[in-house]
Amino acid sequence: MTMTKRYRAFWNDAVIADSTDAVVVDGNPYFRLADLRTEYLRPSECHTTGPWNGVAIYYDVVVGDRVNPDGARYYPNPTPSAERVRGRVAFWGGVKIEADRE
């Protein structure tokens, strides 16, 4: 029997993502868009470019009246070497990630 790993992202006591289909790159799980609670995400003005992954678009994580600026990043058109994160979001900036076996 194969065990599935379930990842959850939390911030300000809210679950902002929950997935059994996350892609882990350098220890960071990347969640499918379908696994996000989009009501907690607000587009940010921030964009960065990296040689490995390409252009990242950021989202603020907003729970109640608390804002985690640029707490989520998304690669809409990653470089060929980062293709596996296409259509996925990773979190940082204090967002807590938990992983459980199912």
PDB file of N, CA and C in Angstrom:
ATOM      1  N   MET A   1       0.837  -1.185   0.000  1.00  0.00           N
ATOM      2  CA  MET A   1       0.000   0.000   0.000  1.00  0.00           C
ATOM      3  C   MET A   1       0.878   1.243   0.000  1.00  0.00           C
ATOM      4  N   THR A   2       0.607   2.174  -0.897  1.00  0.00           N
ATOM      5  CA  THR A   2       1.366   3.416  -0.992  1.00  0.00           C
ATOM      6  C   THR A   2       0.713   4.483  -0.121  1.00  0.00           C
ATOM      7  N   MET A   3       1.525   5.156   0.639  1.00  0.00           N
ATOM      8  CA  MET A   3       1.020   6.242   1.486  1.00  0.00           C
ATOM      9  C   MET A   3       1.090   7.557   0.716  1.00  0.00           C
ATOM     10  N   THR A   4       0.046   8.329   0.807  1.00  0.00           N
ATOM     11  CA  THR A   4      -0.011   9.636   0.170  1.00  0.00           C
ATOM     12  C   THR A   4       0.325  10.696   1.204  1.00  0.00           C
ATOM     13  N   LYS A   5       1.103  11.680   0.806  1.00  0.00           N
ATOM     14  CA  LYS A   5       1.427  12.781   1.707  1.00  0.00           C
ATOM     15  C   LYS A   5       0.447  13.923   1.453  1.00  0.00           C
ATOM     16  N   ARG A   6      -0.121  14.428   2.515  1.00  0.00           N
ATOM     17  CA  ARG A   6      -1.058  15.538   2.437  1.00  0.00           C
ATOM     18  C   ARG A   6      -0.376  16.780   3.002  1.00  0.00           C
ATOM     19  N   TYR A   7      -0.384  17.845   2.222  1.00  0.00           N
ATOM     20  CA  TYR A   7       0.206  19.116   2.642  1.00  0.00           C
ATOM     21  C   TYR A   7      -0.896  20.125   2.899  1.00  0.00           C
ATOM     22  N   ARG A   8      -0.695  20.908   3.965  1.00  0.00           N
ATOM     23  CA  ARG A   8      -1.605  22.009   4.275  1.00  0.00           C
ATOM     24  C   ARG A   8      -0.788  23.255   4.579  1.00  0.00           C
ATOM     25  N   ALA A   9      -1.279  24.383   4.093  1.00  0.00           N
ATOM     26  CA  ALA A   9      -0.648  25.677   4.370  1.00  0.00           C
ATOM     27  C   ALA A   9      -1.580  26.468   5.283  1.00  0.00           C
ATOM     28  N   PHE A  10      -1.017  27.012   6.368  1.00  0.00           N
ATOM     29  CA  PHE A  10      -1.787  27.776   7.357  1.00  0.00           C
ATOM     30  C   PHE A  10      -1.197  29.174   7.516  1.00  0.00           C
ATOM     31  N   TRP A  11      -2.056  30.118   7.715  1.00  0.00           N
ATOM     32  CA  TRP A  11      -1.609  31.443   8.125  1.00  0.00           C
ATOM     33  C   TRP A  11      -2.734  32.103   8.903  1.00  0.00           C
ATOM     34  N   ASN A  12      -2.387  32.700  10.035  1.00  0.00           N
ATOM     35  CA  ASN A  12      -3.358  33.386  10.892  1.00  0.00           C
ATOM     36  C   ASN A  12      -4.527  32.450  11.236  1.00  0.00           C
ATOM     37  N   ASP A  13      -4.194  31.191  11.557  1.00  0.00           N
ATOM     38  CA  ASP A  13      -5.157  30.159  11.965  1.00  0.00           C
ATOM     39  C   ASP A  13      -6.140  29.743  10.871  1.00  0.00           C
ATOM     40  N   ALA A  14      -5.867  30.055   9.627  1.00  0.00           N
ATOM     41  CA  ALA A  14      -6.726  29.640   8.524  1.00  0.00           C
ATOM     42  C   ALA A  14      -5.966  28.689   7.606  1.00  0.00           C
ATOM     43  N   VAL A  15      -6.654  27.671   7.111  1.00  0.00           N
ATOM     44  CA  VAL A  15      -6.074  26.783   6.102  1.00  0.00           C
ATOM     45  C   VAL A  15      -6.218  27.487   4.762  1.00  0.00           C
ATOM     46  N   ILE A  16      -5.087  27.796   4.119  1.00  0.00           N
ATOM     47  CA  ILE A  16      -5.157  28.513   2.840  1.00  0.00           C
ATOM     48  C   ILE A  16      -4.898  27.596   1.654  1.00  0.00           C
ATOM     49  N   ALA A  17      -4.399  26.377   1.919  1.00  0.00           N
ATOM     50  CA  ALA A  17      -4.231  25.378   0.862  1.00  0.00           C
ATOM     51  C   ALA A  17      -4.203  24.001   1.510  1.00  0.00           C
ATOM     52  N   ASP A  18      -4.727  23.004   0.770  1.00  0.00           N
ATOM     53  CA  ASP A  18      -4.805  21.631   1.265  1.00  0.00           C
ATOM     54  C   ASP A  18      -4.727  20.710   0.058  1.00  0.00           C
ATOM     55  N   SER A  19      -3.711  19.826   0.029  1.00  0.00           N
ATOM     56  CA  SER A  19      -3.511  19.026  -1.172  1.00  0.00           C
ATOM     57  C   SER A  19      -2.837  17.689  -0.890  1.00  0.00           C
ATOM     58  N   THR A  20      -3.223  16.677  -1.656  1.00  0.00           N
ATOM     59  CA  THR A  20      -2.501  15.405  -1.696  1.00  0.00           C
ATOM     60  C   THR A  20      -1.764  15.286  -3.022  1.00  0.00           C
ATOM     61  N   ASP A  21      -1.704  16.401  -3.774  1.00  0.00           N
ATOM     62  CA  ASP A  21      -1.050  16.409  -5.087  1.00  0.00           C
ATOM     63  C   ASP A  21      -0.078  17.587  -5.202  1.00  0.00           C
ATOM     64  N   ALA A  22       0.684  17.834  -4.143  1.00  0.00           N
ATOM     65  CA  ALA A  22       1.665  18.915  -4.178  1.00  0.00           C
ATOM     66  C   ALA A  22       2.952  18.414  -4.827  1.00  0.00           C
ATOM     67  N   VAL A  23       3.644  19.310  -5.503  1.00  0.00           N
ATOM     68  CA  VAL A  23       4.963  19.029  -6.075  1.00  0.00           C
ATOM     69  C   VAL A  23       5.980  19.698  -5.161  1.00  0.00           C
ATOM     70  N   VAL A  24       6.932  18.934  -4.654  1.00  0.00           N
ATOM     71  CA  VAL A  24       7.918  19.477  -3.716  1.00  0.00           C
ATOM     72  C   VAL A  24       9.222  19.741  -4.457  1.00  0.00           C
ATOM     73  N   VAL A  25       9.686  20.995  -4.383  1.00  0.00           N
ATOM     74  CA  VAL A  25      10.936  21.419  -5.008  1.00  0.00           C
ATOM     75  C   VAL A  25      11.769  22.097  -3.926  1.00  0.00           C
ATOM     76  N   ASP A  26      12.962  21.595  -3.709  1.00  0.00           N
ATOM     77  CA  ASP A  26      13.867  22.131  -2.680  1.00  0.00           C
ATOM     78  C   ASP A  26      13.171  22.256  -1.324  1.00  0.00           C
ATOM     79  N   GLY A  27      12.347  21.267  -0.993  1.00  0.00           N
ATOM     80  CA  GLY A  27      11.661  21.243   0.293  1.00  0.00           C
ATOM     81  C   GLY A  27      10.398  22.068   0.369  1.00  0.00           C
ATOM     82  N   ASN A  28      10.056  22.786  -0.698  1.00  0.00           N
ATOM     83  CA  ASN A  28       8.865  23.635  -0.703  1.00  0.00           C
ATOM     84  C   ASN A  28       7.749  22.989  -1.519  1.00  0.00           C
ATOM     85  N   PRO A  29       6.583  22.738  -0.906  1.00  0.00           N
ATOM     86  CA  PRO A  29       5.481  22.194  -1.684  1.00  0.00           C
ATOM     87  C   PRO A  29       4.825  23.287  -2.538  1.00  0.00           C
ATOM     88  N   TYR A  30       4.529  22.932  -3.767  1.00  0.00           N
ATOM     89  CA  TYR A  30       3.809  23.801  -4.697  1.00  0.00           C
ATOM     90  C   TYR A  30       2.413  23.207  -4.866  1.00  0.00           C
ATOM     91  N   PHE A  31       1.403  23.992  -4.516  1.00  0.00           N
ATOM     92  CA  PHE A  31       0.014  23.559  -4.517  1.00  0.00           C
ATOM     93  C   PHE A  31      -0.658  23.871  -5.846  1.00  0.00           C
ATOM     94  N   ARG A  32      -1.528  22.943  -6.309  1.00  0.00           N
ATOM     95  CA  ARG A  32      -2.336  23.211  -7.497  1.00  0.00           C
ATOM     96  C   ARG A  32      -3.293  24.350  -7.196  1.00  0.00           C
ATOM     97  N   LEU A  33      -3.640  25.119  -8.213  1.00  0.00           N
ATOM     98  CA  LEU A  33      -4.583  26.220  -8.027  1.00  0.00           C
ATOM     99  C   LEU A  33      -5.905  25.719  -7.472  1.00  0.00           C
ATOM    100  N   ALA A  34      -6.323  24.533  -7.884  1.00  0.00           N
ATOM    101  CA  ALA A  34      -7.584  23.962  -7.417  1.00  0.00           C
ATOM    102  C   ALA A  34      -7.566  23.644  -5.921  1.00  0.00           C
ATOM    103  N   ASP A  35      -6.376  23.565  -5.315  1.00  0.00           N
ATOM    104  CA  ASP A  35      -6.254  23.217  -3.903  1.00  0.00           C
ATOM    105  C   ASP A  35      -6.114  24.435  -2.990  1.00  0.00           C
ATOM    106  N   LEU A  36      -6.265  25.625  -3.556  1.00  0.00           N
ATOM    107  CA  LEU A  36      -6.132  26.863  -2.786  1.00  0.00           C
ATOM    108  C   LEU A  36      -7.482  27.375  -2.325  1.00  0.00           C
ATOM    109  N   ARG A  37      -7.482  28.049  -1.211  1.00  0.00           N
ATOM    110  CA  ARG A  37      -8.655  28.808  -0.761  1.00  0.00           C
ATOM    111  C   ARG A  37      -8.427  30.238  -1.258  1.00  0.00           C
ATOM    112  N   THR A  38      -8.865  30.499  -2.474  1.00  0.00           N
ATOM    113  CA  THR A  38      -8.539  31.760  -3.148  1.00  0.00           C
ATOM    114  C   THR A  38      -9.127  32.988  -2.460  1.00  0.00           C
ATOM    115  N   GLU A  39     -10.099  32.799  -1.595  1.00  0.00           N
ATOM    116  CA  GLU A  39     -10.637  33.954  -0.869  1.00  0.00           C
ATOM    117  C   GLU A  39      -9.591  34.566   0.058  1.00  0.00           C
ATOM    118  N   TYR A  40      -8.501  33.834   0.323  1.00  0.00           N
ATOM    119  CA  TYR A  40      -7.420  34.345   1.173  1.00  0.00           C
ATOM    120  C   TYR A  40      -6.268  34.941   0.369  1.00  0.00           C
ATOM    121  N   LEU A  41      -6.388  34.988  -0.950  1.00  0.00           N
ATOM    122  CA  LEU A  41      -5.307  35.517  -1.791  1.00  0.00           C
ATOM    123  C   LEU A  41      -5.752  36.765  -2.527  1.00  0.00           C
ATOM    124  N   ARG A  42      -4.851  37.749  -2.564  1.00  0.00           N
ATOM    125  CA  ARG A  42      -5.110  39.010  -3.267  1.00  0.00           C
ATOM    126  C   ARG A  42      -3.892  39.321  -4.126  1.00  0.00           C
ATOM    127  N   PRO A  43      -4.095  39.630  -5.408  1.00  0.00           N
ATOM    128  CA  PRO A  43      -2.941  39.931  -6.267  1.00  0.00           C
ATOM    129  C   PRO A  43      -2.062  41.027  -5.679  1.00  0.00           C
ATOM    130  N   SER A  44      -0.765  40.841  -5.801  1.00  0.00           N
ATOM    131  CA  SER A  44       0.239  41.798  -5.343  1.00  0.00           C
ATOM    132  C   SER A  44       0.851  42.475  -6.565  1.00  0.00           C
ATOM    133  N   GLU A  45       1.502  43.573  -6.355  1.00  0.00           N
ATOM    134  CA  GLU A  45       2.216  44.266  -7.438  1.00  0.00           C
ATOM    135  C   GLU A  45       3.604  43.671  -7.668  1.00  0.00           C
ATOM    136  N   CYS A  46       4.040  42.784  -6.782  1.00  0.00           N
ATOM    137  CA  CYS A  46       5.399  42.250  -6.837  1.00  0.00           C
ATOM    138  C   CYS A  46       5.547  41.174  -7.912  1.00  0.00           C
ATOM    139  N   HIS A  47       6.645  41.258  -8.652  1.00  0.00           N
ATOM    140  CA  HIS A  47       7.055  40.244  -9.623  1.00  0.00           C
ATOM    141  C   HIS A  47       8.572  40.122  -9.517  1.00  0.00           C
ATOM    142  N   THR A  48       9.081  38.899  -9.599  1.00  0.00           N
ATOM    143  CA  THR A  48      10.524  38.691  -9.607  1.00  0.00           C
ATOM    144  C   THR A  48      10.867  37.730 -10.741  1.00  0.00           C
ATOM    145  N   THR A  49      12.136  37.713 -11.105  1.00  0.00           N
ATOM    146  CA  THR A  49      12.605  36.799 -12.140  1.00  0.00           C
ATOM    147  C   THR A  49      13.821  36.055 -11.628  1.00  0.00           C
ATOM    148  N   GLY A  50      13.777  34.729 -11.773  1.00  0.00           N
ATOM    149  CA  GLY A  50      14.905  33.897 -11.363  1.00  0.00           C
ATOM    150  C   GLY A  50      15.401  33.075 -12.534  1.00  0.00           C
ATOM    151  N   PRO A  51      16.691  32.742 -12.550  1.00  0.00           N
ATOM    152  CA  PRO A  51      17.246  31.987 -13.680  1.00  0.00           C
ATOM    153  C   PRO A  51      16.715  30.562 -13.771  1.00  0.00           C
ATOM    154  N   TRP A  52      16.376  29.945 -12.644  1.00  0.00           N
ATOM    155  CA  TRP A  52      15.894  28.569 -12.669  1.00  0.00           C
ATOM    156  C   TRP A  52      14.407  28.489 -12.999  1.00  0.00           C
ATOM    157  N   ASN A  53      13.606  29.411 -12.429  1.00  0.00           N
ATOM    158  CA  ASN A  53      12.165  29.258 -12.517  1.00  0.00           C
ATOM    159  C   ASN A  53      11.450  30.285 -13.383  1.00  0.00           C
ATOM    160  N   GLY A  54      12.080  31.365 -13.729  1.00  0.00           N
ATOM    161  CA  GLY A  54      11.444  32.383 -14.557  1.00  0.00           C
ATOM    162  C   GLY A  54      10.741  33.451 -13.732  1.00  0.00           C
ATOM    163  N   VAL A  55       9.684  34.016 -14.288  1.00  0.00           N
ATOM    164  CA  VAL A  55       8.962  35.124 -13.647  1.00  0.00           C
ATOM    165  C   VAL A  55       7.974  34.583 -12.614  1.00  0.00           C
ATOM    166  N   ALA A  56       8.041  35.144 -11.418  1.00  0.00           N
ATOM    167  CA  ALA A  56       7.099  34.806 -10.346  1.00  0.00           C
ATOM    168  C   ALA A  56       6.142  35.964 -10.146  1.00  0.00           C
ATOM    169  N   ILE A  57       4.879  35.643 -10.037  1.00  0.00           N
ATOM    170  CA  ILE A  57       3.834  36.606  -9.697  1.00  0.00           C
ATOM    171  C   ILE A  57       3.462  36.331  -8.244  1.00  0.00           C
ATOM    172  N   TYR A  58       3.271  37.370  -7.468  1.00  0.00           N
ATOM    173  CA  TYR A  58       3.010  37.198  -6.035  1.00  0.00           C
ATOM    174  C   TYR A  58       1.582  37.564  -5.676  1.00  0.00           C
ATOM    175  N   TYR A  59       1.149  36.971  -4.570  1.00  0.00           N
ATOM    176  CA  TYR A  59      -0.146  37.277  -3.972  1.00  0.00           C
ATOM    177  C   TYR A  59       0.068  37.601  -2.506  1.00  0.00           C
ATOM    178  N   ASP A  60      -0.699  38.552  -1.992  1.00  0.00           N
ATOM    179  CA  ASP A  60      -0.756  38.776  -0.558  1.00  0.00           C
ATOM    180  C   ASP A  60      -1.682  37.708   0.016  1.00  0.00           C
ATOM    181  N   VAL A  61      -1.345  37.214   1.192  1.00  0.00           N
ATOM    182  CA  VAL A  61      -2.230  36.300   1.900  1.00  0.00           C
ATOM    183  C   VAL A  61      -2.993  37.150   2.915  1.00  0.00           C
ATOM    184  N   VAL A  62      -4.318  37.128   2.835  1.00  0.00           N
ATOM    185  CA  VAL A  62      -5.159  37.990   3.664  1.00  0.00           C
ATOM    186  C   VAL A  62      -6.154  37.125   4.436  1.00  0.00           C
ATOM    187  N   VAL A  63      -6.063  37.191   5.765  1.00  0.00           N
ATOM    188  CA  VAL A  63      -6.986  36.471   6.627  1.00  0.00           C
ATOM    189  C   VAL A  63      -7.515  37.472   7.644  1.00  0.00           C
ATOM    190  N   GLY A  64      -8.806  37.720   7.593  1.00  0.00           N
ATOM    191  CA  GLY A  64      -9.384  38.732   8.470  1.00  0.00           C
ATOM    192  C   GLY A  64      -8.795  40.086   8.118  1.00  0.00           C
ATOM    193  N   ASP A  65      -8.308  40.804   9.114  1.00  0.00           N
ATOM    194  CA  ASP A  65      -7.707  42.114   8.856  1.00  0.00           C
ATOM    195  C   ASP A  65      -6.183  42.045   8.803  1.00  0.00           C
ATOM    196  N   ARG A  66      -5.628  40.822   8.798  1.00  0.00           N
ATOM    197  CA  ARG A  66      -4.168  40.648   8.739  1.00  0.00           C
ATOM    198  C   ARG A  66      -3.735  40.339   7.321  1.00  0.00           C
ATOM    199  N   VAL A  67      -2.626  40.971   6.909  1.00  0.00           N
ATOM    200  CA  VAL A  67      -2.098  40.799   5.558  1.00  0.00           C
ATOM    201  C   VAL A  67      -0.654  40.317   5.642  1.00  0.00           C
ATOM    202  N   ASN A  68      -0.364  39.259   4.891  1.00  0.00           N
ATOM    203  CA  ASN A  68       1.000  38.751   4.741  1.00  0.00           C
ATOM    204  C   ASN A  68       1.427  39.152   3.326  1.00  0.00           C
ATOM    205  N   PRO A  69       2.127  40.287   3.199  1.00  0.00           N
ATOM    206  CA  PRO A  69       2.467  40.780   1.867  1.00  0.00           C
ATOM    207  C   PRO A  69       3.343  39.790   1.091  1.00  0.00           C
ATOM    208  N   ASP A  70       2.949  39.519  -0.136  1.00  0.00           N
ATOM    209  CA  ASP A  70       3.725  38.653  -1.039  1.00  0.00           C
ATOM    210  C   ASP A  70       3.980  37.268  -0.444  1.00  0.00           C
ATOM    211  N   GLY A  71       3.052  36.753   0.338  1.00  0.00           N
ATOM    212  CA  GLY A  71       3.221  35.474   1.010  1.00  0.00           C
ATOM    213  C   GLY A  71       3.043  34.253   0.118  1.00  0.00           C
ATOM    214  N   ALA A  72       2.598  34.467  -1.125  1.00  0.00           N
ATOM    215  CA  ALA A  72       2.422  33.356  -2.066  1.00  0.00           C
ATOM    216  C   ALA A  72       3.018  33.743  -3.405  1.00  0.00           C
ATOM    217  N   ARG A  73       3.639  32.763  -4.070  1.00  0.00           N
ATOM    218  CA  ARG A  73       4.210  33.042  -5.393  1.00  0.00           C
ATOM    219  C   ARG A  73       3.739  31.998  -6.391  1.00  0.00           C
ATOM    220  N   TYR A  74       3.591  32.448  -7.631  1.00  0.00           N
ATOM    221  CA  TYR A  74       2.999  31.641  -8.688  1.00  0.00           C
ATOM    222  C   TYR A  74       3.814  31.831  -9.958  1.00  0.00           C
ATOM    223  N   TYR A  75       4.075  30.740 -10.662  1.00  0.00           N
ATOM    224  CA  TYR A  75       4.851  30.787 -11.911  1.00  0.00           C
ATOM    225  C   TYR A  75       3.941  30.412 -13.081  1.00  0.00           C
ATOM    226  N   PRO A  76       3.340  31.393 -13.754  1.00  0.00           N
ATOM    227  CA  PRO A  76       2.422  31.081 -14.852  1.00  0.00           C
ATOM    228  C   PRO A  76       3.124  30.490 -16.072  1.00  0.00           C
ATOM    229  N   ASN A  77       4.359  30.897 -16.333  1.00  0.00           N
ATOM    230  CA  ASN A  77       5.135  30.417 -17.478  1.00  0.00           C
ATOM    231  C   ASN A  77       6.570  30.152 -17.060  1.00  0.00           C
ATOM    232  N   PRO A  78       6.783  29.071 -16.300  1.00  0.00           N
ATOM    233  CA  PRO A  78       8.136  28.806 -15.809  1.00  0.00           C
ATOM    234  C   PRO A  78       9.085  28.420 -16.937  1.00  0.00           C
ATOM    235  N   THR A  79      10.355  28.464 -16.643  1.00  0.00           N
ATOM    236  CA  THR A  79      11.375  28.004 -17.587  1.00  0.00           C
ATOM    237  C   THR A  79      11.218  26.493 -17.779  1.00  0.00           C
ATOM    238  N   PRO A  80      11.790  25.940 -18.842  1.00  0.00           N
ATOM    239  CA  PRO A  80      11.688  24.483 -19.043  1.00  0.00           C
ATOM    240  C   PRO A  80      12.189  23.666 -17.848  1.00  0.00           C
ATOM    241  N   SER A  81      13.210  24.140 -17.160  1.00  0.00           N
ATOM    242  CA  SER A  81      13.728  23.387 -16.009  1.00  0.00           C
ATOM    243  C   SER A  81      12.776  23.400 -14.816  1.00  0.00           C
ATOM    244  N   ALA A  82      11.829  24.321 -14.792  1.00  0.00           N
ATOM    245  CA  ALA A  82      10.875  24.424 -13.679  1.00  0.00           C
ATOM    246  C   ALA A  82       9.451  24.086 -14.111  1.00  0.00           C
ATOM    247  N   GLU A  83       9.306  23.415 -15.221  1.00  0.00           N
ATOM    248  CA  GLU A  83       7.983  23.121 -15.786  1.00  0.00           C
ATOM    249  C   GLU A  83       7.038  22.455 -14.776  1.00  0.00           C
ATOM    250  N   ARG A  84       7.564  21.664 -13.864  1.00  0.00           N
ATOM    251  CA  ARG A  84       6.690  20.951 -12.932  1.00  0.00           C
ATOM    252  C   ARG A  84       5.969  21.856 -11.936  1.00  0.00           C
ATOM    253  N   VAL A  85       6.365  23.145 -11.849  1.00  0.00           N
ATOM    254  CA  VAL A  85       5.648  24.062 -10.961  1.00  0.00           C
ATOM    255  C   VAL A  85       4.632  24.931 -11.716  1.00  0.00           C
ATOM    256  N   ARG A  86       4.469  24.684 -13.004  1.00  0.00           N
ATOM    257  CA  ARG A  86       3.478  25.443 -13.789  1.00  0.00           C
ATOM    258  C   ARG A  86       2.087  25.242 -13.179  1.00  0.00           C
ATOM    259  N   GLY A  87       1.375  26.353 -13.011  1.00  0.00           N
ATOM    260  CA  GLY A  87       0.025  26.282 -12.471  1.00  0.00           C
ATOM    261  C   GLY A  87      -0.032  25.957 -10.992  1.00  0.00           C
ATOM    262  N   ARG A  88       1.061  26.185 -10.290  1.00  0.00           N
ATOM    263  CA  ARG A  88       1.126  25.867  -8.861  1.00  0.00           C
ATOM    264  C   ARG A  88       1.608  27.076  -8.061  1.00  0.00           C
ATOM    265  N   VAL A  89       1.256  27.080  -6.785  1.00  0.00           N
ATOM    266  CA  VAL A  89       1.578  28.188  -5.886  1.00  0.00           C
ATOM    267  C   VAL A  89       2.372  27.654  -4.700  1.00  0.00           C
ATOM    268  N   ALA A  90       3.417  28.382  -4.325  1.00  0.00           N
ATOM    269  CA  ALA A  90       4.202  28.074  -3.122  1.00  0.00           C
ATOM    270  C   ALA A  90       4.038  29.228  -2.142  1.00  0.00           C
ATOM    271  N   PHE A  91       4.236  28.938  -0.872  1.00  0.00           N
ATOM    272  CA  PHE A  91       4.070  29.947   0.186  1.00  0.00           C
ATOM    273  C   PHE A  91       5.383  30.165   0.918  1.00  0.00           C
ATOM    274  N   TRP A  92       5.488  31.330   1.545  1.00  0.00           N
ATOM    275  CA  TRP A  92       6.633  31.663   2.370  1.00  0.00           C
ATOM    276  C   TRP A  92       6.224  32.817   3.267  1.00  0.00           C
ATOM    277  N   GLY A  93       7.167  33.508   3.873  1.00  0.00           N
ATOM    278  CA  GLY A  93       6.858  34.688   4.690  1.00  0.00           C
ATOM    279  C   GLY A  93       6.007  34.387   5.904  1.00  0.00           C
ATOM    280  N   GLY A  94       6.292  33.278   6.568  1.00  0.00           N
ATOM    281  CA  GLY A  94       5.562  32.968   7.795  1.00  0.00           C
ATOM    282  C   GLY A  94       4.388  32.033   7.608  1.00  0.00           C
ATOM    283  N   VAL A  95       4.090  31.641   6.370  1.00  0.00           N
ATOM    284  CA  VAL A  95       3.036  30.656   6.146  1.00  0.00           C
ATOM    285  C   VAL A  95       3.570  29.301   6.614  1.00  0.00           C
ATOM    286  N   LYS A  96       2.818  28.650   7.492  1.00  0.00           N
ATOM    287  CA  LYS A  96       3.228  27.363   8.053  1.00  0.00           C
ATOM    288  C   LYS A  96       2.733  26.233   7.148  1.00  0.00           C
ATOM    289  N   ILE A  97       3.634  25.291   6.869  1.00  0.00           N
ATOM    290  CA  ILE A  97       3.287  24.126   6.054  1.00  0.00           C
ATOM    291  C   ILE A  97       3.353  22.882   6.950  1.00  0.00           C
ATOM    292  N   GLU A  98       2.298  22.076   6.896  1.00  0.00           N
ATOM    293  CA  GLU A  98       2.290  20.798   7.603  1.00  0.00           C
ATOM    294  C   GLU A  98       2.134  19.690   6.594  1.00  0.00           C
ATOM    295  N   ALA A  99       2.800  18.564   6.846  1.00  0.00           N
ATOM    296  CA  ALA A  99       2.691  17.400   5.978  1.00  0.00           C
ATOM    297  C   ALA A  99       2.315  16.192   6.835  1.00  0.00           C
ATOM    298  N   ASP A 100       1.299  15.469   6.389  1.00  0.00           N
ATOM    299  CA  ASP A 100       0.821  14.266   7.061  1.00  0.00           C
ATOM    300  C   ASP A 100       0.743  13.125   6.068  1.00  0.00           C
ATOM    301  N   ARG A 101       0.892  11.917   6.547  1.00  0.00           N
ATOM    302  CA  ARG A 101       0.669  10.727   5.718  1.00  0.00           C
ATOM    303  C   ARG A 101      -0.805  10.344   5.831  1.00  0.00           C
ATOM    304  N   GLU A 102      -1.373   9.961   4.700  1.00  0.00           N
ATOM    305  CA  GLU A 102      -2.787   9.523   4.714  1.00  0.00           C
ATOM    306  C   GLU A 102      -2.860   8.035   4.627  1.00  0.00           C
TER     307      GLU A 102
END
